[in-house]
Amino acid sequence: MDIFKLGDKILDLLNAVFAFWNHQISLVFELLRQSPTAFKGGGPWGVIEGIEPVFVAVGSSLVVLFFVIGFCSESIDIREEMRFEVILRILIRLGLAEYMVANNVTIMKAFFTSVGNLVGLLTEGDRTTLKIAKEQADVIENLGFGESLIMLILAALLSIIVIICGFFLLYTVYFRFLKLMVIVPIGSIAFSTMSGNRMVAHTAVTYAKYFLSVTFEAVTMALAIIVCNAFINAGLPEFTGDYADWAKTLIYLCEMTFSIALTVGSVKGAQSLTGKVLGL
């Protein structure tokens, strides 16, 4: 009897869940293309711009302090060590430090725009979306009561996992914006160390590396999502050749669940992966 066939209901549930996942992916891509200056209509960035002058004032004061530290460390014997090229190098370092302190937000905005444009190029046009293959959909639709009951339980578990992964994906992208906005004002203080000696200036280098890894994290996130979606839509694994059709479909859904979790894991570790790849 048709009343005992759950295939249509299972397909409706899977299609609804996959539509939710595709919507989350579209939302994530849209957010990754955005600059932090435009996030949430620019409201959070307005707060950062209001706070920034305080950090610039502190950083400008610290430039002088770190300059004195660097000068003292390089002038043990002024008559022997303070040659013209040494003085010129110190003054150039001082000028660069003051420029970076005063203009660090402008420089960061340029990076935000460049990364957003790069993500836009990766995600424009027809993207691979998550959907169930037609062959597997036909199998599910024609399942008997016993097999369809097992499939319904698995589909329910898959739905829960996809919903959790979808919200966690969105959380990771939001957290990236939070990290960027928190570290932007601190840049004025970090770049003030450029006026000191090499040991002191290491703080600015460390900050710049972290900033670049968080900024370019968006590109790694977009690539991870695109590649993982391609994994999901690649079809059945090769080792399913000897199984019954309903068992193949079970394995197919399990692989989809695994790949969705893999997508979230890849997005979560995007900053670490970006840092390793670029040597940051």
Protein backbone atom coordinates (compact mmCIF):
# COMPACT_ATOMS: atom_id res chain seq x y z
CA MET A 1 0.00 0.00 0.00
CA ASP A 2 1.16 3.55 -0.74
CA ILE A 3 0.57 4.54 2.86
CA PHE A 4 3.56 2.42 3.86
CA LYS A 5 5.87 4.01 1.29
CA LEU A 6 7.86 6.85 2.81
CA GLY A 7 10.07 7.60 -0.19
CA ASP A 8 8.31 10.85 -1.14
CA LYS A 9 8.46 12.13 2.42
CA ILE A 10 12.15 11.25 2.68
CA LEU A 11 12.90 13.09 -0.56
CA ASP A 12 10.95 16.13 0.60
CA LEU A 13 12.92 16.16 3.85
CA LEU A 14 16.28 15.81 2.07
CA ASN A 15 15.44 18.47 -0.52
CA ALA A 16 14.38 20.88 2.23
CA VAL A 17 17.58 20.28 4.18
CA PHE A 18 19.77 20.62 1.09
CA ALA A 19 17.96 23.84 0.18
CA PHE A 20 18.79 25.13 3.67
CA TRP A 21 22.46 24.18 3.17
CA ASN A 22 22.62 25.86 -0.24
CA HIS A 23 21.06 29.00 1.24
CA GLN A 24 23.68 29.01 4.01
CA ILE A 25 26.45 28.59 1.43
CA SER A 26 25.09 31.51 -0.61
CA LEU A 27 24.93 33.64 2.53
CA VAL A 28 28.48 32.69 3.50
CA PHE A 29 29.79 33.56 0.03
CA GLU A 30 28.03 36.91 0.19
CA LEU A 31 29.60 37.62 3.59
CA LEU A 32 33.07 36.55 2.45
CA ARG A 33 32.86 39.00 -0.45
CA GLN A 34 32.07 41.83 1.95
CA SER A 35 34.66 44.13 3.46
CA PRO A 36 34.41 44.55 7.24
CA THR A 37 33.62 48.19 6.50
CA ALA A 38 30.30 47.11 4.94
CA PHE A 39 29.44 44.33 7.40
CA LYS A 40 26.01 44.83 9.00
CA GLY A 41 25.56 48.08 7.11
CA GLY A 42 28.83 49.51 8.43
CA GLY A 43 27.58 49.89 12.01
CA PRO A 44 30.31 47.80 13.71
CA TRP A 45 32.99 49.47 11.55
CA GLY A 46 31.72 52.88 12.64
CA VAL A 47 32.49 51.90 16.23
CA ILE A 48 36.02 50.88 15.18
CA GLU A 49 36.56 54.20 13.40
CA GLY A 50 35.48 56.02 16.53
CA ILE A 51 37.97 54.09 18.65
CA GLU A 52 40.86 54.18 16.16
CA PRO A 53 42.09 57.77 16.92
CA VAL A 54 42.79 56.73 20.53
CA PHE A 55 45.06 53.91 19.37
CA VAL A 56 46.73 56.16 16.79
CA ALA A 57 47.56 58.70 19.53
CA VAL A 58 49.01 55.98 21.75
CA GLY A 59 50.91 54.45 18.83
CA SER A 60 52.39 57.82 17.81
CA SER A 61 53.68 58.31 21.34
CA LEU A 62 55.15 54.82 21.38
CA VAL A 63 56.96 55.48 18.10
CA VAL A 64 59.19 57.96 19.96
CA LEU A 65 59.78 55.52 22.81
CA PHE A 66 60.72 52.63 20.52
CA PHE A 67 62.88 54.99 18.43
CA VAL A 68 64.88 55.89 21.54
CA ILE A 69 65.22 52.20 22.41
CA GLY A 70 66.46 51.41 18.90
CA PHE A 71 68.81 54.39 18.86
CA CYS A 72 70.36 53.44 22.19
CA SER A 73 70.81 49.82 21.16
CA GLU A 74 72.70 50.88 18.00
CA SER A 75 74.84 53.65 19.51
CA ILE A 76 77.07 51.97 22.04
CA ASP A 77 80.00 53.94 20.70
CA ILE A 78 78.63 56.99 18.86
CA ARG A 79 81.93 58.00 17.19
CA GLU A 80 82.50 54.51 15.80
CA GLU A 81 78.96 53.34 15.08
CA MET A 82 76.93 56.43 14.10
CA ARG A 83 77.87 56.56 10.43
CA PHE A 84 75.69 58.34 7.89
CA GLU A 85 74.10 55.14 6.60
CA VAL A 86 73.22 54.08 10.16
CA ILE A 87 71.55 57.43 10.88
CA LEU A 88 69.71 57.27 7.55
CA ARG A 89 68.44 53.77 8.30
CA ILE A 90 67.17 54.86 11.72
CA LEU A 91 65.37 57.87 10.27
CA ILE A 92 63.78 55.80 7.49
CA ARG A 93 62.59 53.33 10.09
CA LEU A 94 61.14 56.18 12.13
CA GLY A 95 59.31 57.62 9.10
CA LEU A 96 57.89 54.24 8.08
CA ALA A 97 56.69 53.55 11.61
CA GLU A 98 54.89 56.88 11.86
CA TYR A 99 53.33 56.39 8.41
CA MET A 100 52.07 52.90 9.28
CA VAL A 101 50.65 54.08 12.61
CA ALA A 102 48.76 56.96 11.01
CA ASN A 103 47.57 55.10 7.89
CA ASN A 104 47.18 51.48 9.00
CA VAL A 105 43.38 51.53 8.56
CA THR A 106 43.67 52.84 4.99
CA ILE A 107 46.15 50.09 4.13
CA MET A 108 43.94 47.44 5.72
CA LYS A 109 40.91 48.63 3.76
CA ALA A 110 42.87 48.05 0.54
CA PHE A 111 43.53 44.45 1.61
CA PHE A 112 39.86 43.95 2.52
CA THR A 113 38.78 45.16 -0.93
CA SER A 114 41.33 43.00 -2.76
CA VAL A 115 40.38 39.84 -0.88
CA GLY A 116 36.66 40.53 -1.37
CA ASN A 117 37.19 40.91 -5.13
CA LEU A 118 39.18 37.67 -5.25
CA VAL A 119 36.42 35.78 -3.42
CA GLY A 120 33.91 37.33 -5.80
CA LEU A 121 35.83 35.95 -8.79
CA LEU A 122 35.89 32.49 -7.23
CA THR A 123 32.19 32.40 -6.39
CA GLU A 124 30.60 34.17 -9.35
CA GLY A 125 28.64 32.35 -12.03
CA ASP A 126 27.21 28.84 -11.70
CA ARG A 127 28.39 27.23 -8.50
CA THR A 128 28.18 23.60 -7.48
CA THR A 129 25.17 23.29 -5.19
CA LEU A 130 24.26 20.41 -2.94
CA LYS A 131 21.56 18.14 -4.37
CA ILE A 132 20.70 14.48 -4.34
CA ALA A 133 21.54 12.56 -7.50
CA LYS A 134 18.58 11.52 -9.68
CA GLU A 135 19.54 7.85 -9.53
CA GLN A 136 19.52 7.87 -5.74
CA ALA A 137 16.29 9.88 -5.67
CA ASP A 138 14.61 7.18 -7.81
CA VAL A 139 15.85 4.47 -5.45
CA ILE A 140 14.51 6.32 -2.40
CA GLU A 141 11.16 6.95 -4.06
CA ASN A 142 10.64 3.24 -4.79
CA LEU A 143 11.78 1.83 -1.43
CA GLY A 144 9.68 -0.68 0.46
CA PHE A 145 8.38 0.03 3.96
CA GLY A 146 11.28 -1.60 5.86
CA GLU A 147 14.05 0.02 3.83
CA SER A 148 12.28 3.38 3.75
CA LEU A 149 11.95 3.34 7.54
CA ILE A 150 15.71 2.87 7.89
CA MET A 151 16.27 5.56 5.28
CA LEU A 152 13.93 7.94 7.12
CA ILE A 153 15.93 7.56 10.34
CA LEU A 154 19.16 8.21 8.47
CA ALA A 155 17.62 11.20 6.67
CA ALA A 156 16.53 12.65 10.01
CA LEU A 157 20.06 12.29 11.40
CA LEU A 158 21.47 13.83 8.23
CA SER A 159 19.06 16.74 8.56
CA ILE A 160 20.15 17.45 12.13
CA ILE A 161 23.83 17.33 11.16
CA VAL A 162 23.32 19.60 8.13
CA ILE A 163 21.40 22.18 10.17
CA ILE A 164 24.06 22.22 12.89
CA CYS A 165 26.86 22.44 10.30
CA GLY A 166 25.04 25.24 8.48
CA PHE A 167 24.78 27.41 11.58
CA PHE A 168 28.36 26.57 12.62
CA LEU A 169 29.55 27.63 9.16
CA LEU A 170 27.83 30.97 9.58
CA TYR A 171 29.28 31.34 13.09
CA THR A 172 32.81 30.82 11.75
CA VAL A 173 32.37 33.56 9.15
CA TYR A 174 30.92 35.96 11.72
CA PHE A 175 33.80 35.19 14.06
CA ARG A 176 36.26 36.12 11.28
CA PHE A 177 34.68 39.57 11.05
CA LEU A 178 34.95 39.92 14.83
CA LYS A 179 38.64 39.01 14.76
CA LEU A 180 39.36 41.52 12.00
CA MET A 181 37.57 44.37 13.74
CA VAL A 182 39.25 43.67 17.06
CA ILE A 183 42.78 43.57 15.64
CA VAL A 184 42.44 46.63 13.33
CA PRO A 185 42.86 49.30 16.07
CA ILE A 186 45.69 47.35 17.71
CA GLY A 187 47.65 47.75 14.47
CA SER A 188 48.62 51.32 15.42
CA ILE A 189 50.37 50.05 18.53
CA ALA A 190 51.94 47.05 16.78
CA PHE A 191 53.35 49.12 13.90
CA SER A 192 54.84 51.64 16.32
CA THR A 193 57.47 49.02 17.17
CA MET A 194 58.92 49.42 13.65
CA SER A 195 60.87 52.44 14.88
CA GLY A 196 62.85 50.28 17.31
CA ASN A 197 65.56 47.73 16.68
CA ARG A 198 65.05 44.39 14.98
CA MET A 199 64.04 42.61 18.18
CA VAL A 200 61.39 45.19 19.04
CA ALA A 201 60.13 45.40 15.43
CA HIS A 202 59.38 41.67 15.51
CA THR A 203 56.04 42.61 17.10
CA ALA A 204 55.00 44.45 13.92
CA VAL A 205 56.04 41.48 11.78
CA THR A 206 54.03 39.08 13.93
CA TYR A 207 50.99 41.35 13.78
CA ALA A 208 51.23 41.72 9.99
CA LYS A 209 51.45 37.95 9.54
CA TYR A 210 48.39 37.35 11.71
CA PHE A 211 46.44 40.10 9.95
CA LEU A 212 47.21 38.64 6.51
CA SER A 213 46.28 35.11 7.63
CA VAL A 214 42.88 36.29 8.95
CA THR A 215 42.23 38.46 5.87
CA PHE A 216 43.12 35.80 3.29
CA GLU A 217 41.24 33.23 5.35
CA ALA A 218 38.17 34.23 3.32
CA VAL A 219 39.76 32.90 0.11
CA THR A 220 40.61 29.56 1.76
CA MET A 221 37.06 29.31 3.14
CA ALA A 222 35.55 29.87 -0.31
CA LEU A 223 37.87 27.31 -1.92
CA ALA A 224 37.12 24.74 0.79
CA ILE A 225 33.35 25.11 0.33
CA ILE A 226 33.56 24.90 -3.48
CA VAL A 227 35.79 21.80 -3.44
CA CYS A 228 33.79 20.01 -0.72
CA ASN A 229 30.52 20.61 -2.59
CA ALA A 230 32.16 19.09 -5.64
CA PHE A 231 33.10 16.06 -3.51
CA ILE A 232 29.49 15.68 -2.40
CA ASN A 233 28.09 15.85 -5.94
CA ALA A 234 30.68 13.48 -7.41
CA GLY A 235 28.33 10.51 -6.98
CA LEU A 236 28.67 7.13 -5.34
CA PRO A 237 32.02 5.84 -4.00
CA GLU A 238 33.67 3.20 -6.16
CA PHE A 239 33.43 0.47 -3.50
CA THR A 240 29.60 0.35 -3.65
CA GLY A 241 29.46 -1.74 -6.82
CA ASP A 242 28.43 -5.03 -5.12
CA TYR A 243 25.77 -3.61 -2.78
CA ALA A 244 22.02 -3.50 -3.26
CA ASP A 245 20.54 -0.25 -4.53
CA TRP A 246 19.08 0.79 -1.18
CA ALA A 247 22.39 0.02 0.56
CA LYS A 248 24.23 2.14 -2.03
CA THR A 249 21.88 4.99 -1.25
CA LEU A 250 22.56 4.60 2.48
CA ILE A 251 26.30 4.77 1.82
CA TYR A 252 25.73 7.76 -0.47
CA LEU A 253 23.87 9.67 2.25
CA CYS A 254 26.53 8.76 4.82
CA GLU A 255 29.22 10.09 2.51
CA MET A 256 27.24 13.30 2.03
CA THR A 257 27.03 13.70 5.80
CA PHE A 258 30.76 13.12 6.14
CA SER A 259 31.55 15.61 3.36
CA ILE A 260 29.35 18.29 4.93
CA ALA A 261 31.15 17.84 8.24
CA LEU A 262 34.44 17.96 6.31
CA THR A 263 33.37 21.29 4.78
CA VAL A 264 32.80 22.81 8.20
CA GLY A 265 36.11 21.44 9.48
CA SER A 266 37.95 22.89 6.48
CA VAL A 267 36.33 26.30 6.98
CA LYS A 268 37.11 26.20 10.70
CA GLY A 269 40.79 25.48 10.01
CA ALA A 270 41.07 27.95 7.13
CA GLN A 271 43.19 30.47 9.04
CA SER A 272 45.73 27.87 10.13
CA LEU A 273 45.89 26.42 6.61
CA THR A 274 46.31 29.89 5.09
CA GLY A 275 49.13 30.69 7.49
CA LYS A 276 50.98 27.48 6.67
CA VAL A 277 50.55 27.79 2.91
CA LEU A 278 51.73 31.43 2.80
CA GLY A 279 54.40 30.96 5.46
CA LEU A 280 52.73 33.44 7.82
